């Protein structure tokens, strides 16, 4: 690490953060990054010179443990402690991510409407302008000149255009990440191996209108090579792949294995600044039930810990009809049973499930989920999280009630149980 003091700014290059994801109740940075400290803010940039984190230092900042994060798709997320009141129990993490875009968050207040958060983003724009001026100075060390040169190229307009460049590479937007990507703080490299989904559920706010279709191996190869150039120097700070989009499991073992292995080698995950490697994908009840042991044997042999998230939604016929989910309670029962079986038989694979959650669902919905768990499990089992996804647009009163009702579910559940907040890349 090199440090400089220039024009009232403390600049540190290539700081070393933690090398392994962990659950902690304080801000922790991972991998390699650069840092600019002003009297009021700490700005942290990735190895491409792009702003990634902002933390306030002054008394006006809500909490010294809270911070802003800019994602690779140029979305801002505010990481709130929620007062540490039940956040870990509800989400499995010590922080509540509050996105700047519409989601199904149960957070009552929008931090992006507050003066401190708006001031932090504006402060980065002002600091960026200062860096542009400093980059024209003479007699600076070469490493500092190179850093400033990288940073001043990453204007707000450049970063916005870069999000469209990512969409061009992928051929679509990533509309939702699997809930299990919380284990790597949602820092995943997306690789599309299939488009569309098998079901056109009426309730789904992120559904694709495309008919399910796999990408060809040539398309996947080209996409991965383009992504390698897109992530550039910062690729060493990634150790997780999201095989997109909504039902990659239905693409089959051969295509999944091809994409996962080629991505592992091309992105250099073996040489990542972070320990381990993770693979995330969505699946459906149908794709899980039709997958044989050959597929799971292939996944187990990959150099990843693999998380597969299955959208089941409900085990109640009336609820499934209301959601226009074209499966039966028996299908949900069979898929849930297979999920438990896979989790017991495979060491490096974890299958998790999603169910909907809301005040306006039929009365049989939650009892059907409890019966599903209680019939299959005699006691608590630590592997195979169950996520409940709240319907969005609830009133403040409904949101408070949602949290209370969720705690009742969690107390009764025989699997790790969390709320699932819809989060994009």
Protein backbone atom coordinates (compact mmCIF):
# COMPACT_ATOMS: atom_id res chain seq x y z
CA UNK A 1 0.00 0.00 0.00
CA UNK A 2 1.14 3.54 -0.81
CA UNK A 3 -0.18 6.66 0.92
CA UNK A 4 -0.21 10.31 -0.15
CA UNK A 5 -1.50 13.58 1.22
CA UNK A 6 -2.47 16.10 -1.42
CA UNK A 7 -4.75 19.14 -1.31
CA UNK A 8 -6.22 18.12 2.03
CA UNK A 9 -7.03 14.58 0.85
CA UNK A 10 -5.49 11.41 2.25
CA UNK A 11 -5.09 8.92 -0.60
CA UNK A 12 -4.15 5.26 -0.07
CA UNK A 13 -3.57 2.99 -3.06
CA UNK A 14 -4.24 -0.75 -3.14
CA UNK A 15 -5.33 -1.17 0.43
CA UNK A 16 -5.73 -4.79 1.49
CA UNK A 17 -9.14 -5.71 2.82
CA UNK A 18 -10.37 -9.02 4.17
CA UNK A 19 -9.74 -12.06 1.96
CA UNK A 20 -12.84 -14.02 2.97
CA UNK A 21 -16.52 -13.11 3.24
CA UNK A 22 -17.78 -13.18 6.80
CA UNK A 23 -20.80 -12.06 8.85
CA UNK A 24 -19.87 -9.03 10.96
CA UNK A 25 -21.79 -6.12 12.45
CA UNK A 26 -19.33 -3.44 11.31
CA UNK A 27 -18.18 -2.19 7.89
CA UNK A 28 -15.72 -4.61 6.32
CA UNK A 29 -14.13 -4.23 2.89
CA UNK A 30 -12.87 -7.12 0.81
CA UNK A 31 -9.99 -7.56 -1.60
CA UNK A 32 -7.92 -4.68 -2.93
CA UNK A 33 -9.16 -1.10 -3.22
CA UNK A 34 -8.04 2.53 -3.08
CA UNK A 35 -9.25 5.08 -0.56
CA UNK A 36 -9.67 8.85 -0.48
CA UNK A 37 -10.35 10.43 2.89
CA UNK A 38 -11.67 13.99 3.18
CA UNK A 39 -12.68 15.76 6.41
CA UNK A 40 -16.31 14.63 5.99
CA UNK A 41 -16.27 11.42 3.93
CA UNK A 42 -14.37 8.25 3.11
CA UNK A 43 -14.50 7.33 -0.57
CA UNK A 44 -13.36 3.86 -1.65
CA UNK A 45 -12.69 2.98 -5.28
CA UNK A 46 -12.22 -0.35 -7.01
CA UNK A 47 -9.06 -1.19 -8.97
CA UNK A 48 -10.51 0.36 -12.13
CA UNK A 49 -10.78 3.72 -10.35
CA UNK A 50 -14.59 3.52 -10.06
CA UNK A 51 -16.31 4.75 -6.92
CA UNK A 52 -17.74 1.85 -4.92
CA UNK A 53 -18.26 2.89 -1.27
CA UNK A 54 -18.98 6.16 0.55
CA UNK A 55 -19.06 6.52 4.33
CA UNK A 56 -19.73 9.74 6.22
CA UNK A 57 -17.38 10.92 8.96
CA UNK A 58 -19.17 13.95 10.36
CA UNK A 59 -21.88 14.22 13.01
CA UNK A 60 -24.49 14.66 10.29
CA UNK A 61 -23.94 11.09 9.09
CA UNK A 62 -26.73 8.82 10.47
CA UNK A 63 -24.46 6.09 11.86
CA UNK A 64 -20.68 5.51 11.53
CA UNK A 65 -21.41 1.86 10.70
CA UNK A 66 -23.70 2.67 7.76
CA UNK A 67 -22.52 3.35 4.23
CA UNK A 68 -23.35 3.63 0.54
CA UNK A 69 -22.34 1.11 -2.10
CA UNK A 70 -22.43 1.58 -5.87
CA UNK A 71 -22.93 -1.67 -7.76
CA UNK A 72 -21.37 -2.70 -11.05
CA UNK A 73 -24.68 -1.86 -12.79
CA UNK A 74 -24.45 1.69 -11.35
CA UNK A 75 -27.15 1.35 -8.70
CA UNK A 76 -26.70 2.88 -5.26
CA UNK A 77 -27.49 0.79 -2.17
CA UNK A 78 -27.60 2.18 1.36
CA UNK A 79 -26.49 -0.34 3.98
CA UNK A 80 -28.53 0.31 7.11
CA UNK A 81 -28.03 -1.33 10.48
CA UNK A 82 -31.76 -1.02 11.09
CA UNK A 83 -30.73 -0.15 14.62
CA UNK A 84 -29.53 -3.79 14.77
CA UNK A 85 -33.08 -4.60 15.89
CA UNK A 86 -33.74 -8.01 14.42
CA UNK A 87 -31.89 -7.35 11.15
CA UNK A 88 -29.76 -10.48 11.38
CA UNK A 89 -32.72 -12.64 12.37
CA UNK A 90 -34.75 -11.28 9.45
CA UNK A 91 -32.14 -11.30 6.67
CA UNK A 92 -29.25 -13.48 7.78
CA UNK A 93 -26.95 -10.44 7.61
CA UNK A 94 -26.17 -7.61 10.01
CA UNK A 95 -27.07 -5.01 7.38
CA UNK A 96 -30.29 -4.18 5.60
CA UNK A 97 -29.60 -3.22 1.95
CA UNK A 98 -31.84 -0.30 0.93
CA UNK A 99 -31.75 0.15 -2.87
CA UNK A 100 -32.26 3.43 -4.69
CA UNK A 101 -34.75 1.73 -7.06
CA UNK A 102 -38.24 0.31 -6.29
CA UNK A 103 -38.11 -3.01 -4.47
CA UNK A 104 -40.14 -5.01 -1.97
CA UNK A 105 -38.31 -3.57 1.01
CA UNK A 106 -40.08 -3.47 4.37
CA UNK A 107 -38.00 -0.43 5.34
CA UNK A 108 -40.36 2.37 6.37
CA UNK A 109 -38.09 5.27 5.40
CA UNK A 110 -36.22 5.88 2.16
CA UNK A 111 -32.63 6.87 3.03
CA UNK A 112 -32.15 8.33 -0.47
CA UNK A 113 -34.66 11.04 0.38
CA UNK A 114 -32.55 12.19 3.33
CA UNK A 115 -30.08 15.06 3.28
CA UNK A 116 -27.02 13.08 4.53
CA UNK A 117 -27.26 10.46 1.77
CA UNK A 118 -27.88 13.01 -0.98
CA UNK A 119 -24.98 15.08 0.37
CA UNK A 120 -22.66 12.05 0.30
CA UNK A 121 -23.32 11.36 -3.39
CA UNK A 122 -22.95 15.07 -4.20
CA UNK A 123 -19.71 15.14 -2.20
CA UNK A 124 -18.29 12.42 -4.41
CA UNK A 125 -19.13 14.46 -7.52
CA UNK A 126 -17.30 17.44 -5.99
CA UNK A 127 -14.31 15.29 -5.02
CA UNK A 128 -14.21 13.83 -8.52
CA UNK A 129 -13.90 17.38 -9.86
CA UNK A 130 -11.01 17.99 -7.45
CA UNK A 131 -9.27 14.85 -8.67
CA UNK A 132 -9.59 16.08 -12.25
CA UNK A 133 -7.75 19.25 -11.23
CA UNK A 134 -5.09 17.37 -9.23
CA UNK A 135 -4.42 14.99 -12.13
CA UNK A 136 -3.08 17.95 -14.12
CA UNK A 137 -0.43 18.69 -11.48
CA UNK A 138 3.26 18.13 -12.14
CA UNK A 139 5.90 16.29 -10.16
CA UNK A 140 3.54 13.69 -8.69
CA UNK A 141 4.68 10.07 -8.16
CA UNK A 142 3.85 7.83 -11.12
CA UNK A 143 1.60 5.52 -9.10
CA UNK A 144 -0.47 8.50 -7.96
CA UNK A 145 -0.59 9.90 -11.49
CA UNK A 146 -1.82 6.53 -12.79
CA UNK A 147 -4.49 6.33 -10.08
CA UNK A 148 -5.73 9.85 -10.71
CA UNK A 149 -5.73 9.20 -14.45
CA UNK A 150 -7.93 6.13 -13.98
CA UNK A 151 -10.27 7.88 -11.54
CA UNK A 152 -10.90 11.01 -13.62
CA UNK A 153 -11.94 8.87 -16.59
CA UNK A 154 -14.76 7.42 -14.46
CA UNK A 155 -17.12 10.37 -14.48
CA UNK A 156 -20.77 9.89 -13.43
CA UNK A 157 -21.70 9.99 -17.12
CA UNK A 158 -19.08 7.34 -17.92
CA UNK A 159 -20.39 5.05 -15.19
CA UNK A 160 -23.95 5.39 -16.45
CA UNK A 161 -22.85 4.51 -19.98
CA UNK A 162 -20.89 1.58 -18.58
CA UNK A 163 -24.09 0.07 -17.16
CA UNK A 164 -25.53 0.04 -20.69
CA UNK A 165 -22.32 -1.54 -21.97
CA UNK A 166 -22.79 -4.36 -19.47
CA UNK A 167 -26.35 -4.90 -20.69
CA UNK A 168 -25.05 -5.07 -24.27
CA UNK A 169 -22.58 -7.79 -23.29
CA UNK A 170 -25.20 -9.81 -21.43
CA UNK A 171 -27.99 -9.19 -23.92
CA UNK A 172 -30.38 -8.19 -21.10
CA UNK A 173 -30.58 -6.59 -17.67
CA UNK A 174 -30.12 -8.64 -14.52
CA UNK A 175 -33.52 -7.98 -12.96
CA UNK A 176 -33.00 -9.92 -9.73
CA UNK A 177 -30.20 -11.73 -7.91
CA UNK A 178 -30.66 -14.99 -6.02
CA UNK A 179 -31.14 -14.36 -2.29
CA UNK A 180 -28.14 -16.57 -1.52
CA UNK A 181 -25.80 -14.00 -3.15
CA UNK A 182 -25.99 -12.21 0.20
CA UNK A 183 -23.18 -14.59 1.20
CA UNK A 184 -20.80 -12.65 -1.10
CA UNK A 185 -22.35 -9.21 -0.52
CA UNK A 186 -24.07 -9.49 -3.93
CA UNK A 187 -20.71 -9.08 -5.72
CA UNK A 188 -21.17 -11.60 -8.53
CA UNK A 189 -20.20 -11.71 -12.19
CA UNK A 190 -23.35 -12.54 -14.19
CA UNK A 191 -23.14 -14.98 -17.09
CA UNK A 192 -26.34 -15.56 -19.07
CA UNK A 193 -26.76 -19.18 -20.12
CA UNK A 194 -30.53 -19.03 -20.73
CA UNK A 195 -33.27 -16.47 -21.26
CA UNK A 196 -36.88 -16.42 -20.12
CA UNK A 197 -38.56 -18.70 -17.61
CA UNK A 198 -40.92 -21.67 -17.66
CA UNK A 199 -43.77 -19.91 -15.84
CA UNK A 200 -45.44 -16.55 -16.41
CA UNK A 201 -46.64 -16.01 -12.84
CA UNK A 202 -49.03 -13.08 -12.53
CA UNK A 203 -47.57 -11.82 -9.24
CA UNK A 204 -43.94 -11.67 -10.37
CA UNK A 205 -42.54 -8.14 -10.71
CA UNK A 206 -39.33 -9.26 -12.45
CA UNK A 207 -40.70 -11.85 -14.84
CA UNK A 208 -39.43 -12.15 -18.38
CA UNK A 209 -41.80 -12.22 -21.32
CA UNK A 210 -39.30 -14.29 -23.28
CA UNK A 211 -39.89 -17.95 -23.88
CA UNK A 212 -37.31 -20.11 -22.15
CA UNK A 213 -34.32 -20.75 -24.41
CA UNK A 214 -30.70 -21.70 -23.75
CA UNK A 215 -27.81 -19.67 -25.07
CA UNK A 216 -25.38 -21.48 -27.37
CA UNK A 217 -21.89 -22.38 -26.17
CA UNK A 218 -20.41 -19.91 -28.67
CA UNK A 219 -22.60 -17.13 -27.26
CA UNK A 220 -21.57 -18.01 -23.73
CA UNK A 221 -17.88 -18.14 -24.65
CA UNK A 222 -18.07 -14.73 -26.34
CA UNK A 223 -19.96 -13.25 -23.38
CA UNK A 224 -17.41 -14.50 -20.82
CA UNK A 225 -14.50 -13.13 -22.83
CA UNK A 226 -16.21 -9.73 -23.11
CA UNK A 227 -16.93 -9.74 -19.38
CA UNK A 228 -13.26 -10.40 -18.67
CA UNK A 229 -12.38 -7.15 -20.45
CA UNK A 230 -15.29 -5.29 -18.87
CA UNK A 231 -14.27 -6.06 -15.28
CA UNK A 232 -10.63 -5.45 -16.22
CA UNK A 233 -8.23 -4.89 -13.30
CA UNK A 234 -10.92 -5.30 -10.65
CA UNK A 235 -11.74 -8.86 -11.66
CA UNK A 236 -9.31 -10.11 -9.01
CA UNK A 237 -11.81 -8.89 -6.39
CA UNK A 238 -14.47 -11.37 -7.51
CA UNK A 239 -14.85 -15.02 -6.62
CA UNK A 240 -18.54 -15.60 -7.44
CA UNK A 241 -20.52 -16.29 -10.61
CA UNK A 242 -24.27 -15.92 -11.14
CA UNK A 243 -25.48 -18.13 -13.98
CA UNK A 244 -28.46 -16.13 -15.19
CA UNK A 245 -31.27 -15.59 -15.73
CA UNK A 246 -34.46 -16.97 -14.14
CA UNK A 247 -34.07 -20.75 -14.48
CA UNK A 248 -30.49 -21.64 -15.36
CA UNK A 249 -30.99 -25.06 -13.76
CA UNK A 250 -33.29 -25.92 -16.65
CA UNK A 251 -30.37 -25.43 -19.07
CA UNK A 252 -29.01 -28.82 -17.99
CA UNK A 253 -25.78 -30.07 -16.49
CA UNK A 254 -23.61 -29.95 -19.60
CA UNK A 255 -24.26 -26.28 -20.35
CA UNK A 256 -23.99 -25.29 -16.68
CA UNK A 257 -20.69 -27.14 -16.36
CA UNK A 258 -19.34 -25.62 -19.59
CA UNK A 259 -20.14 -22.06 -18.53
CA UNK A 260 -18.98 -22.53 -14.93
CA UNK A 261 -15.62 -24.04 -15.84
CA UNK A 262 -14.88 -21.59 -18.65
CA UNK A 263 -15.77 -18.65 -16.40
CA UNK A 264 -13.61 -20.01 -13.58
CA UNK A 265 -10.58 -20.22 -15.86
CA UNK A 266 -11.16 -17.03 -17.88
CA UNK A 267 -11.88 -14.84 -14.84
CA UNK A 268 -8.90 -16.32 -12.99
CA UNK A 269 -10.93 -17.21 -9.90
CA UNK A 270 -8.13 -19.48 -8.70
CA UNK A 271 -6.00 -16.32 -8.35
CA UNK A 272 -8.74 -14.19 -6.78
CA UNK A 273 -7.86 -11.92 -3.86
CA UNK A 274 -10.73 -13.67 -2.06
CA UNK A 275 -10.74 -17.23 -0.80
CA UNK A 276 -13.03 -19.85 -2.29
CA UNK A 277 -15.35 -19.73 -5.29
CA UNK A 278 -19.15 -19.54 -5.42
CA UNK A 279 -21.74 -20.40 -8.06
CA UNK A 280 -25.33 -19.13 -7.86
CA UNK A 281 -28.33 -19.95 -10.02
CA UNK A 282 -32.11 -20.00 -10.00
CA UNK A 283 -34.20 -23.05 -10.68
CA UNK A 284 -37.88 -23.98 -10.86
CA UNK A 285 -39.84 -26.85 -9.36
CA UNK A 286 -39.91 -28.46 -12.82
CA UNK A 287 -36.18 -28.11 -13.49
CA UNK A 288 -35.33 -29.45 -10.04
CA UNK A 289 -37.61 -32.48 -10.39
CA UNK A 290 -36.40 -33.36 -13.89
CA UNK A 291 -32.70 -33.03 -12.98
CA UNK A 292 -31.08 -36.39 -12.29
CA UNK A 293 -28.07 -37.24 -10.16
CA UNK A 294 -25.74 -36.78 -13.12
CA UNK A 295 -26.40 -33.03 -13.05
CA UNK A 296 -25.75 -32.75 -9.33
CA UNK A 297 -22.66 -34.93 -9.60
CA UNK A 298 -21.37 -32.47 -12.22
CA UNK A 299 -22.05 -29.52 -9.91
CA UNK A 300 -20.38 -31.27 -6.97
CA UNK A 301 -17.24 -31.79 -9.07
CA UNK A 302 -16.94 -28.09 -9.96
CA UNK A 303 -14.45 -25.87 -8.07
CA UNK A 304 -17.32 -23.95 -6.44
CA UNK A 305 -19.72 -23.97 -3.56
CA UNK A 306 -23.02 -23.99 -5.43
CA UNK A 307 -26.31 -22.41 -4.32
CA UNK A 308 -29.52 -23.16 -6.23
CA UNK A 309 -32.59 -21.13 -5.35
CA UNK A 310 -35.99 -22.63 -6.25
CA UNK A 311 -39.17 -20.53 -6.53
CA UNK A 312 -41.97 -22.61 -4.98
CA UNK A 313 -44.16 -19.71 -3.72
CA UNK A 314 -46.80 -21.79 -1.91
CA UNK A 315 -48.02 -25.31 -1.20
CA UNK A 316 -51.66 -24.18 -1.14
CA UNK A 317 -53.82 -24.75 -4.24
CA UNK A 318 -55.86 -21.56 -3.77
CA UNK A 319 -52.71 -19.45 -3.40
CA UNK A 320 -51.03 -20.99 -6.43
CA UNK A 321 -54.19 -20.27 -8.45
CA UNK A 322 -54.23 -16.67 -7.22
CA UNK A 323 -50.57 -16.26 -8.19
CA UNK A 324 -51.24 -17.95 -11.54
CA UNK A 325 -48.40 -20.31 -10.82
CA UNK A 326 -48.89 -23.26 -13.14
CA UNK A 327 -47.90 -26.00 -10.70
CA UNK A 328 -49.79 -28.11 -8.18
CA UNK A 329 -49.29 -28.50 -4.41
CA UNK A 330 -48.03 -32.04 -5.09
CA UNK A 331 -45.34 -30.65 -7.39
CA UNK A 332 -44.26 -28.23 -4.65
CA UNK A 333 -44.24 -31.10 -2.13
CA UNK A 334 -42.09 -33.27 -4.40
CA UNK A 335 -39.67 -30.43 -5.19
CA UNK A 336 -39.28 -29.56 -1.50
CA UNK A 337 -38.61 -33.20 -0.66
CA UNK A 338 -35.96 -33.40 -3.37
CA UNK A 339 -34.37 -30.17 -2.14
CA UNK A 340 -33.90 -31.72 1.31
CA UNK A 341 -32.50 -34.92 -0.21
CA UNK A 342 -29.91 -33.07 -2.30
CA UNK A 343 -28.84 -30.97 0.67
CA UNK A 344 -28.21 -34.14 2.68
CA UNK A 345 -26.34 -35.99 -0.06
CA UNK A 346 -24.10 -33.30 -1.54
CA UNK A 347 -21.45 -31.47 0.48
CA UNK A 348 -20.81 -28.56 -1.93
CA UNK A 349 -24.41 -27.94 -3.08
CA UNK A 350 -27.13 -26.11 -1.16
CA UNK A 351 -30.64 -25.82 -2.54
CA UNK A 352 -32.82 -23.08 -1.03
CA UNK A 353 -36.46 -22.18 -1.64
CA UNK A 354 -38.69 -19.12 -1.97
CA UNK A 355 -42.24 -18.60 -0.76
CA UNK A 356 -44.40 -15.50 -1.04
CA UNK A 357 -45.46 -13.50 1.99
CA UNK A 358 -48.25 -10.96 2.41
CA UNK A 359 -51.37 -10.00 4.32
CA UNK A 360 -53.71 -10.54 1.38
CA UNK A 361 -52.90 -14.16 0.60
CA UNK A 362 -55.42 -16.95 1.22
CA UNK A 363 -55.61 -18.28 4.78
CA UNK A 364 -54.34 -21.68 3.70
CA UNK A 365 -50.99 -20.38 2.43
CA UNK A 366 -48.84 -20.28 5.58
CA UNK A 367 -50.33 -23.44 7.13
CA UNK A 368 -49.48 -25.26 3.88
CA UNK A 369 -45.83 -24.17 4.18
CA UNK A 370 -45.66 -25.29 7.81
CA UNK A 371 -47.17 -28.67 6.92
CA UNK A 372 -44.59 -29.00 4.15
CA UNK A 373 -41.70 -28.51 6.56
CA UNK A 374 -43.14 -30.42 9.49
CA UNK A 375 -43.99 -33.45 7.37
CA UNK A 376 -40.47 -33.65 5.91
CA UNK A 377 -38.37 -32.65 8.94
CA UNK A 378 -38.44 -34.06 12.47
CA UNK A 379 -36.18 -31.31 13.89
CA UNK A 380 -34.31 -28.16 12.88
CA UNK A 381 -31.91 -28.63 9.96
CA UNK A 382 -29.24 -26.00 9.29
CA UNK A 383 -28.86 -26.44 5.52
CA UNK A 384 -31.40 -25.27 2.92
CA UNK A 385 -32.66 -21.81 3.79
CA UNK A 386 -36.28 -20.87 3.21
CA UNK A 387 -36.87 -17.31 1.99
CA UNK A 388 -40.15 -15.42 2.24
CA UNK A 389 -40.56 -12.65 -0.32
CA UNK A 390 -42.90 -9.83 0.82
CA UNK A 391 -45.24 -8.29 -1.72
CA UNK A 392 -44.24 -4.70 -2.41
CA UNK A 393 -46.21 -1.45 -2.04
CA UNK A 394 -47.43 -2.15 1.49
CA UNK A 395 -48.47 0.71 3.75
CA UNK A 396 -46.26 1.52 6.80
CA UNK A 397 -48.76 -0.31 9.01
CA UNK A 398 -48.69 -3.36 6.75
CA UNK A 399 -44.88 -3.31 6.70
CA UNK A 400 -44.74 -3.30 10.50
CA UNK A 401 -47.20 -6.18 10.55
CA UNK A 402 -45.15 -8.07 7.96
CA UNK A 403 -42.13 -8.13 10.25
CA UNK A 404 -44.15 -9.27 13.25
CA UNK A 405 -45.79 -12.06 11.28
CA UNK A 406 -42.45 -13.14 9.87
CA UNK A 407 -40.99 -13.63 13.35
CA UNK A 408 -43.86 -16.00 14.15
CA UNK A 409 -42.98 -18.01 11.04
CA UNK A 410 -39.28 -18.05 11.88
CA UNK A 411 -39.91 -19.33 15.40
CA UNK A 412 -41.86 -22.27 14.01
CA UNK A 413 -39.66 -23.05 10.98
CA UNK A 414 -37.47 -26.15 10.95
CA UNK A 415 -35.05 -24.59 8.44
CA UNK A 416 -33.09 -21.31 8.46
CA UNK A 417 -35.72 -18.74 7.46
CA UNK A 418 -35.22 -15.20 6.16
CA UNK A 419 -36.95 -12.41 4.29
CA UNK A 420 -36.01 -12.07 0.63
CA UNK A 421 -35.62 -8.51 -0.64
CA UNK A 422 -35.53 -8.16 -4.41
CA UNK A 423 -32.13 -6.77 -5.34
CA UNK A 424 -30.63 -6.15 -8.76
CA UNK A 425 -27.03 -6.27 -9.86
